[in-house]
Amino acid sequence: MNISLDFDGTYTEDPQHWNQFIDSFLEAGHTVQIITMRAEHETNRSLKDLAKKIPVHFTDRKAKLPYAIEKGFHIDVWIDDNPMWIYQDAKQERVDFYNEYQIYKHAAEALGLHVKNYNEWLNS
């Protein structure tokens, strides 16, 4: 099975458990890779560390499924907190909204407030 794991908002929410997931699936003979809408110049230490273990792909704000098809690999299972990015390119305003959401989320968590998921926040 070929599994695509999103980075921002998915892996970043619980790296310890996602690392266990990755190790478990690799041991079982599956393929796990990160497909992120980031541009390669937006990489960070965590992505660099992941790239030592599994492939990391940067779509540069392009939809993930067409990217995978263009690169010649088939994904059986997509794990993504925002499935729309599998099929849809990110327009700059959506990227700006997502960045604003991240600021809201971290502030709400720091204050101990209920944190809406991205789609709830976007529609509020």
N, C-alpha and C. Protein backbone atom coordinates (compact mmCIF):
# COMPACT_ATOMS: atom_id res chain seq x y z
N MET A 1 0.84 -1.17 0.00
CA MET A 1 0.00 0.00 0.00
C MET A 1 0.89 1.24 0.00
N ASN A 2 0.53 2.21 -0.80
CA ASN A 2 1.28 3.46 -0.91
C ASN A 2 0.47 4.56 -0.21
N ILE A 3 1.01 5.13 0.86
CA ILE A 3 0.29 6.07 1.71
C ILE A 3 0.92 7.45 1.60
N SER A 4 0.07 8.45 1.39
CA SER A 4 0.51 9.84 1.40
C SER A 4 0.06 10.46 2.73
N LEU A 5 1.01 11.04 3.43
CA LEU A 5 0.74 11.70 4.71
C LEU A 5 1.02 13.19 4.55
N ASP A 6 0.03 13.98 4.86
CA ASP A 6 0.18 15.43 4.80
C ASP A 6 1.08 15.88 5.95
N PHE A 7 1.74 17.01 5.77
CA PHE A 7 2.64 17.53 6.81
C PHE A 7 1.94 18.55 7.70
N ASP A 8 1.66 19.74 7.18
CA ASP A 8 1.08 20.82 8.00
C ASP A 8 -0.36 20.48 8.40
N GLY A 9 -0.62 20.51 9.68
CA GLY A 9 -1.96 20.25 10.17
C GLY A 9 -2.28 18.78 10.34
N THR A 10 -1.41 17.90 9.89
CA THR A 10 -1.61 16.45 10.07
C THR A 10 -0.40 15.92 10.85
N TYR A 11 0.70 15.69 10.18
CA TYR A 11 1.90 15.22 10.87
C TYR A 11 2.29 16.16 12.02
N THR A 12 2.21 17.47 11.77
CA THR A 12 2.67 18.45 12.77
C THR A 12 1.81 18.45 14.03
N GLU A 13 0.62 17.88 13.97
CA GLU A 13 -0.27 17.88 15.14
C GLU A 13 0.16 16.85 16.19
N ASP A 14 0.87 15.80 15.77
CA ASP A 14 1.29 14.78 16.72
C ASP A 14 2.45 13.97 16.14
N PRO A 15 3.60 14.61 15.98
CA PRO A 15 4.74 13.93 15.33
C PRO A 15 5.13 12.61 15.97
N GLN A 16 5.06 12.53 17.29
CA GLN A 16 5.46 11.29 17.96
C GLN A 16 4.62 10.11 17.49
N HIS A 17 3.31 10.27 17.45
CA HIS A 17 2.45 9.16 17.03
C HIS A 17 2.52 8.93 15.52
N TRP A 18 2.69 9.98 14.74
CA TRP A 18 2.85 9.78 13.30
C TRP A 18 4.15 9.05 13.01
N ASN A 19 5.20 9.32 13.77
CA ASN A 19 6.45 8.58 13.57
C ASN A 19 6.25 7.10 13.88
N GLN A 20 5.47 6.79 14.92
CA GLN A 20 5.16 5.39 15.22
C GLN A 20 4.36 4.76 14.07
N PHE A 21 3.40 5.52 13.55
CA PHE A 21 2.60 5.06 12.41
C PHE A 21 3.51 4.77 11.21
N ILE A 22 4.39 5.72 10.90
CA ILE A 22 5.30 5.56 9.77
C ILE A 22 6.16 4.32 9.96
N ASP A 23 6.77 4.18 11.12
CA ASP A 23 7.63 3.02 11.38
C ASP A 23 6.86 1.71 11.25
N SER A 24 5.66 1.68 11.80
CA SER A 24 4.83 0.47 11.75
C SER A 24 4.48 0.09 10.32
N PHE A 25 4.09 1.07 9.53
CA PHE A 25 3.71 0.77 8.15
C PHE A 25 4.92 0.43 7.29
N LEU A 26 6.04 1.06 7.53
CA LEU A 26 7.26 0.69 6.80
C LEU A 26 7.66 -0.74 7.14
N GLU A 27 7.58 -1.10 8.42
CA GLU A 27 7.93 -2.46 8.84
C GLU A 27 7.02 -3.50 8.20
N ALA A 28 5.76 -3.12 7.95
CA ALA A 28 4.80 -4.03 7.33
C ALA A 28 4.95 -4.09 5.81
N GLY A 29 5.91 -3.35 5.28
CA GLY A 29 6.19 -3.41 3.85
C GLY A 29 5.46 -2.38 3.00
N HIS A 30 4.82 -1.42 3.65
CA HIS A 30 4.10 -0.39 2.91
C HIS A 30 5.04 0.78 2.62
N THR A 31 4.61 1.63 1.73
CA THR A 31 5.34 2.85 1.40
C THR A 31 4.60 4.03 2.01
N VAL A 32 5.33 4.89 2.71
CA VAL A 32 4.76 6.10 3.29
C VAL A 32 5.58 7.27 2.78
N GLN A 33 4.90 8.32 2.36
CA GLN A 33 5.61 9.50 1.92
C GLN A 33 4.84 10.75 2.32
N ILE A 34 5.56 11.81 2.50
CA ILE A 34 4.96 13.11 2.79
C ILE A 34 4.73 13.80 1.45
N ILE A 35 3.51 14.30 1.25
CA ILE A 35 3.23 15.19 0.12
C ILE A 35 2.67 16.46 0.73
N THR A 36 3.43 17.53 0.62
CA THR A 36 3.06 18.81 1.22
C THR A 36 2.89 19.86 0.13
N MET A 37 2.01 20.81 0.38
CA MET A 37 1.81 21.90 -0.58
C MET A 37 2.85 23.00 -0.40
N ARG A 38 3.75 22.83 0.53
CA ARG A 38 4.82 23.81 0.70
C ARG A 38 5.71 23.84 -0.55
N ALA A 39 6.42 24.92 -0.68
CA ALA A 39 7.50 24.99 -1.66
C ALA A 39 8.76 24.45 -1.00
N GLU A 40 9.68 23.94 -1.78
CA GLU A 40 10.87 23.32 -1.20
C GLU A 40 11.67 24.29 -0.34
N HIS A 41 11.68 25.57 -0.68
CA HIS A 41 12.43 26.53 0.13
C HIS A 41 11.79 26.77 1.49
N GLU A 42 10.58 26.24 1.72
CA GLU A 42 9.90 26.37 3.01
C GLU A 42 10.16 25.18 3.94
N THR A 43 11.14 24.38 3.61
CA THR A 43 11.43 23.20 4.43
C THR A 43 11.91 23.63 5.81
N ASN A 44 11.76 22.74 6.77
CA ASN A 44 12.23 23.00 8.13
C ASN A 44 12.94 21.75 8.65
N ARG A 45 13.42 21.81 9.86
CA ARG A 45 14.17 20.70 10.46
C ARG A 45 13.36 19.41 10.46
N SER A 46 12.09 19.51 10.81
CA SER A 46 11.25 18.32 10.88
C SER A 46 11.13 17.65 9.51
N LEU A 47 10.91 18.43 8.46
CA LEU A 47 10.83 17.87 7.11
C LEU A 47 12.17 17.27 6.69
N LYS A 48 13.26 17.93 7.04
CA LYS A 48 14.58 17.39 6.70
C LYS A 48 14.81 16.06 7.40
N ASP A 49 14.39 15.95 8.66
CA ASP A 49 14.53 14.69 9.38
C ASP A 49 13.66 13.60 8.77
N LEU A 50 12.43 13.95 8.41
CA LEU A 50 11.55 12.97 7.77
C LEU A 50 12.13 12.47 6.45
N ALA A 51 12.75 13.38 5.70
CA ALA A 51 13.31 13.02 4.40
C ALA A 51 14.44 12.00 4.51
N LYS A 52 15.01 11.84 5.71
CA LYS A 52 16.03 10.81 5.92
C LYS A 52 15.40 9.42 5.99
N LYS A 53 14.09 9.38 6.28
CA LYS A 53 13.39 8.13 6.48
C LYS A 53 12.44 7.78 5.34
N ILE A 54 11.73 8.79 4.84
CA ILE A 54 10.71 8.58 3.80
C ILE A 54 10.81 9.70 2.76
N PRO A 55 10.27 9.46 1.56
CA PRO A 55 10.27 10.53 0.56
C PRO A 55 9.41 11.70 1.00
N VAL A 56 9.86 12.90 0.71
CA VAL A 56 9.11 14.13 0.97
C VAL A 56 8.97 14.85 -0.36
N HIS A 57 7.73 15.16 -0.73
CA HIS A 57 7.45 15.83 -1.99
C HIS A 57 6.84 17.20 -1.70
N PHE A 58 7.29 18.21 -2.42
CA PHE A 58 6.81 19.58 -2.30
C PHE A 58 6.05 19.93 -3.58
N THR A 59 4.76 20.25 -3.48
CA THR A 59 3.96 20.53 -4.67
C THR A 59 3.97 22.02 -5.04
N ASP A 60 4.50 22.86 -4.19
CA ASP A 60 4.55 24.30 -4.46
C ASP A 60 3.15 24.85 -4.72
N ARG A 61 2.23 24.53 -3.81
CA ARG A 61 0.84 25.02 -3.81
C ARG A 61 -0.04 24.39 -4.88
N LYS A 62 0.45 23.36 -5.54
CA LYS A 62 -0.34 22.67 -6.56
C LYS A 62 -1.09 21.51 -5.91
N ALA A 63 -2.22 21.13 -6.49
CA ALA A 63 -3.00 20.00 -5.99
C ALA A 63 -2.14 18.74 -5.94
N LYS A 64 -2.36 17.93 -4.93
CA LYS A 64 -1.49 16.79 -4.66
C LYS A 64 -1.69 15.61 -5.63
N LEU A 65 -2.93 15.31 -5.97
CA LEU A 65 -3.18 14.17 -6.86
C LEU A 65 -2.57 14.39 -8.25
N PRO A 66 -2.84 15.52 -8.89
CA PRO A 66 -2.18 15.73 -10.19
C PRO A 66 -0.66 15.73 -10.09
N TYR A 67 -0.13 16.24 -8.98
CA TYR A 67 1.32 16.21 -8.76
C TYR A 67 1.82 14.76 -8.75
N ALA A 68 1.14 13.92 -7.98
CA ALA A 68 1.56 12.51 -7.89
C ALA A 68 1.48 11.83 -9.25
N ILE A 69 0.41 12.08 -9.98
CA ILE A 69 0.26 11.48 -11.31
C ILE A 69 1.39 11.95 -12.23
N GLU A 70 1.66 13.26 -12.19
CA GLU A 70 2.73 13.81 -13.03
C GLU A 70 4.08 13.19 -12.70
N LYS A 71 4.32 12.90 -11.41
CA LYS A 71 5.60 12.32 -10.98
C LYS A 71 5.63 10.80 -11.17
N GLY A 72 4.48 10.22 -11.53
CA GLY A 72 4.45 8.80 -11.88
C GLY A 72 4.25 7.85 -10.71
N PHE A 73 3.64 8.31 -9.63
CA PHE A 73 3.34 7.37 -8.56
C PHE A 73 1.87 7.41 -8.18
N HIS A 74 1.38 6.25 -7.76
CA HIS A 74 -0.02 6.06 -7.39
C HIS A 74 -0.14 6.03 -5.87
N ILE A 75 -1.08 6.77 -5.34
CA ILE A 75 -1.33 6.78 -3.90
C ILE A 75 -2.60 5.97 -3.64
N ASP A 76 -2.51 5.00 -2.72
CA ASP A 76 -3.67 4.20 -2.34
C ASP A 76 -4.49 4.86 -1.24
N VAL A 77 -3.79 5.48 -0.29
CA VAL A 77 -4.46 6.10 0.86
C VAL A 77 -3.89 7.49 1.08
N TRP A 78 -4.79 8.49 1.13
CA TRP A 78 -4.40 9.87 1.40
C TRP A 78 -4.79 10.19 2.84
N ILE A 79 -3.86 10.71 3.62
CA ILE A 79 -4.16 11.17 4.98
C ILE A 79 -3.87 12.66 5.01
N ASP A 80 -4.93 13.46 5.13
CA ASP A 80 -4.79 14.90 5.00
C ASP A 80 -5.88 15.59 5.81
N ASP A 81 -5.51 16.59 6.61
CA ASP A 81 -6.51 17.31 7.39
C ASP A 81 -7.39 18.20 6.51
N ASN A 82 -6.95 18.52 5.32
CA ASN A 82 -7.72 19.32 4.36
C ASN A 82 -7.73 18.60 3.02
N PRO A 83 -8.64 17.63 2.86
CA PRO A 83 -8.65 16.82 1.64
C PRO A 83 -8.84 17.62 0.35
N MET A 84 -9.36 18.84 0.46
CA MET A 84 -9.54 19.64 -0.76
C MET A 84 -8.21 19.87 -1.47
N TRP A 85 -7.10 19.89 -0.70
CA TRP A 85 -5.80 20.16 -1.31
C TRP A 85 -5.29 18.97 -2.12
N ILE A 86 -5.94 17.83 -2.00
CA ILE A 86 -5.57 16.68 -2.83
C ILE A 86 -5.97 16.98 -4.28
N TYR A 87 -7.09 17.66 -4.45
CA TYR A 87 -7.66 17.90 -5.78
C TYR A 87 -7.55 19.34 -6.27
N GLN A 88 -7.29 20.27 -5.37
CA GLN A 88 -7.38 21.69 -5.70
C GLN A 88 -6.08 22.42 -5.42
N ASP A 89 -5.65 23.24 -6.37
CA ASP A 89 -4.51 24.11 -6.12
C ASP A 89 -4.86 25.12 -5.03
N ALA A 90 -3.86 25.55 -4.30
CA ALA A 90 -4.07 26.58 -3.27
C ALA A 90 -3.95 27.95 -3.92
N LYS A 91 -4.99 28.71 -3.81
CA LYS A 91 -4.93 30.09 -4.26
C LYS A 91 -4.29 30.89 -3.13
N GLN A 92 -3.63 31.96 -3.43
CA GLN A 92 -2.92 32.71 -2.41
C GLN A 92 -3.83 33.13 -1.27
N GLU A 93 -5.07 33.53 -1.57
CA GLU A 93 -5.95 33.96 -0.48
C GLU A 93 -6.25 32.80 0.47
N ARG A 94 -6.37 31.56 -0.06
CA ARG A 94 -6.59 30.40 0.80
C ARG A 94 -5.36 30.15 1.67
N VAL A 95 -4.19 30.33 1.09
CA VAL A 95 -2.96 30.17 1.86
C VAL A 95 -2.92 31.21 2.98
N ASP A 96 -3.30 32.45 2.67
CA ASP A 96 -3.34 33.49 3.68
C ASP A 96 -4.33 33.15 4.78
N PHE A 97 -5.52 32.63 4.41
CA PHE A 97 -6.50 32.23 5.41
C PHE A 97 -5.93 31.13 6.29
N TYR A 98 -5.25 30.16 5.69
CA TYR A 98 -4.69 29.07 6.48
C TYR A 98 -3.63 29.58 7.45
N ASN A 99 -2.80 30.51 7.01
CA ASN A 99 -1.80 31.09 7.91
C ASN A 99 -2.47 31.84 9.05
N GLU A 100 -3.56 32.57 8.77
CA GLU A 100 -4.30 33.25 9.83
C GLU A 100 -4.89 32.23 10.80
N TYR A 101 -5.39 31.11 10.27
CA TYR A 101 -5.94 30.06 11.12
C TYR A 101 -4.87 29.53 12.07
N GLN A 102 -3.67 29.31 11.58
CA GLN A 102 -2.59 28.80 12.43
C GLN A 102 -2.32 29.76 13.59
N ILE A 103 -2.35 31.06 13.33
CA ILE A 103 -2.16 32.06 14.39
C ILE A 103 -3.30 31.97 15.40
N TYR A 104 -4.55 31.91 14.90
CA TYR A 104 -5.71 31.76 15.78
C TYR A 104 -5.58 30.50 16.64
N LYS A 105 -5.23 29.39 16.01
CA LYS A 105 -5.16 28.10 16.70
C LYS A 105 -4.15 28.13 17.85
N HIS A 106 -2.96 28.65 17.58
CA HIS A 106 -1.93 28.69 18.61
C HIS A 106 -2.33 29.63 19.75
N ALA A 107 -2.97 30.75 19.42
CA ALA A 107 -3.41 31.68 20.46
C ALA A 107 -4.51 31.05 21.30
N ALA A 108 -5.49 30.40 20.65
CA ALA A 108 -6.58 29.76 21.39
C ALA A 108 -6.06 28.64 22.29
N GLU A 109 -5.13 27.85 21.78
CA GLU A 109 -4.55 26.78 22.60
C GLU A 109 -3.81 27.35 23.80
N ALA A 110 -3.07 28.43 23.59
CA ALA A 110 -2.31 29.04 24.69
C ALA A 110 -3.24 29.58 25.77
N LEU A 111 -4.43 30.02 25.36
CA LEU A 111 -5.40 30.56 26.31
C LEU A 111 -6.33 29.49 26.87
N GLY A 112 -6.17 28.26 26.42
CA GLY A 112 -7.00 27.15 26.89
C GLY A 112 -8.41 27.18 26.35
N LEU A 113 -8.62 27.83 25.20
CA LEU A 113 -9.94 27.93 24.59
C LEU A 113 -10.18 26.77 23.63
N HIS A 114 -11.47 26.54 23.34
CA HIS A 114 -11.83 25.53 22.33
C HIS A 114 -11.25 25.96 20.99
N VAL A 115 -10.62 25.04 20.30
CA VAL A 115 -10.02 25.33 18.99
C VAL A 115 -10.88 24.69 17.92
N LYS A 116 -11.42 25.52 17.05
CA LYS A 116 -12.19 25.01 15.91
C LYS A 116 -11.24 24.41 14.89
N ASN A 117 -11.73 23.38 14.16
CA ASN A 117 -10.89 22.89 13.07
C ASN A 117 -10.91 23.92 11.95
N TYR A 118 -10.04 23.76 10.99
CA TYR A 118 -9.85 24.77 9.94
C TYR A 118 -11.15 25.07 9.20
N ASN A 119 -11.90 24.03 8.83
CA ASN A 119 -13.12 24.26 8.06
C ASN A 119 -14.18 24.97 8.89
N GLU A 120 -14.31 24.65 10.19
CA GLU A 120 -15.23 25.38 11.06
C GLU A 120 -14.82 26.84 11.15
N TRP A 121 -13.53 27.07 11.35
CA TRP A 121 -13.02 28.44 11.48
C TRP A 121 -13.25 29.24 10.21
N LEU A 122 -12.98 28.62 9.07
CA LEU A 122 -13.12 29.29 7.79
C LEU A 122 -14.57 29.70 7.54
N ASN A 123 -15.51 28.89 8.00
CA ASN A 123 -16.93 29.16 7.77
C ASN A 123 -17.60 29.94 8.89
N SER A 124 -16.79 30.37 9.88
CA SER A 124 -17.40 31.12 11.01
C SER A 124 -17.32 32.62 10.76
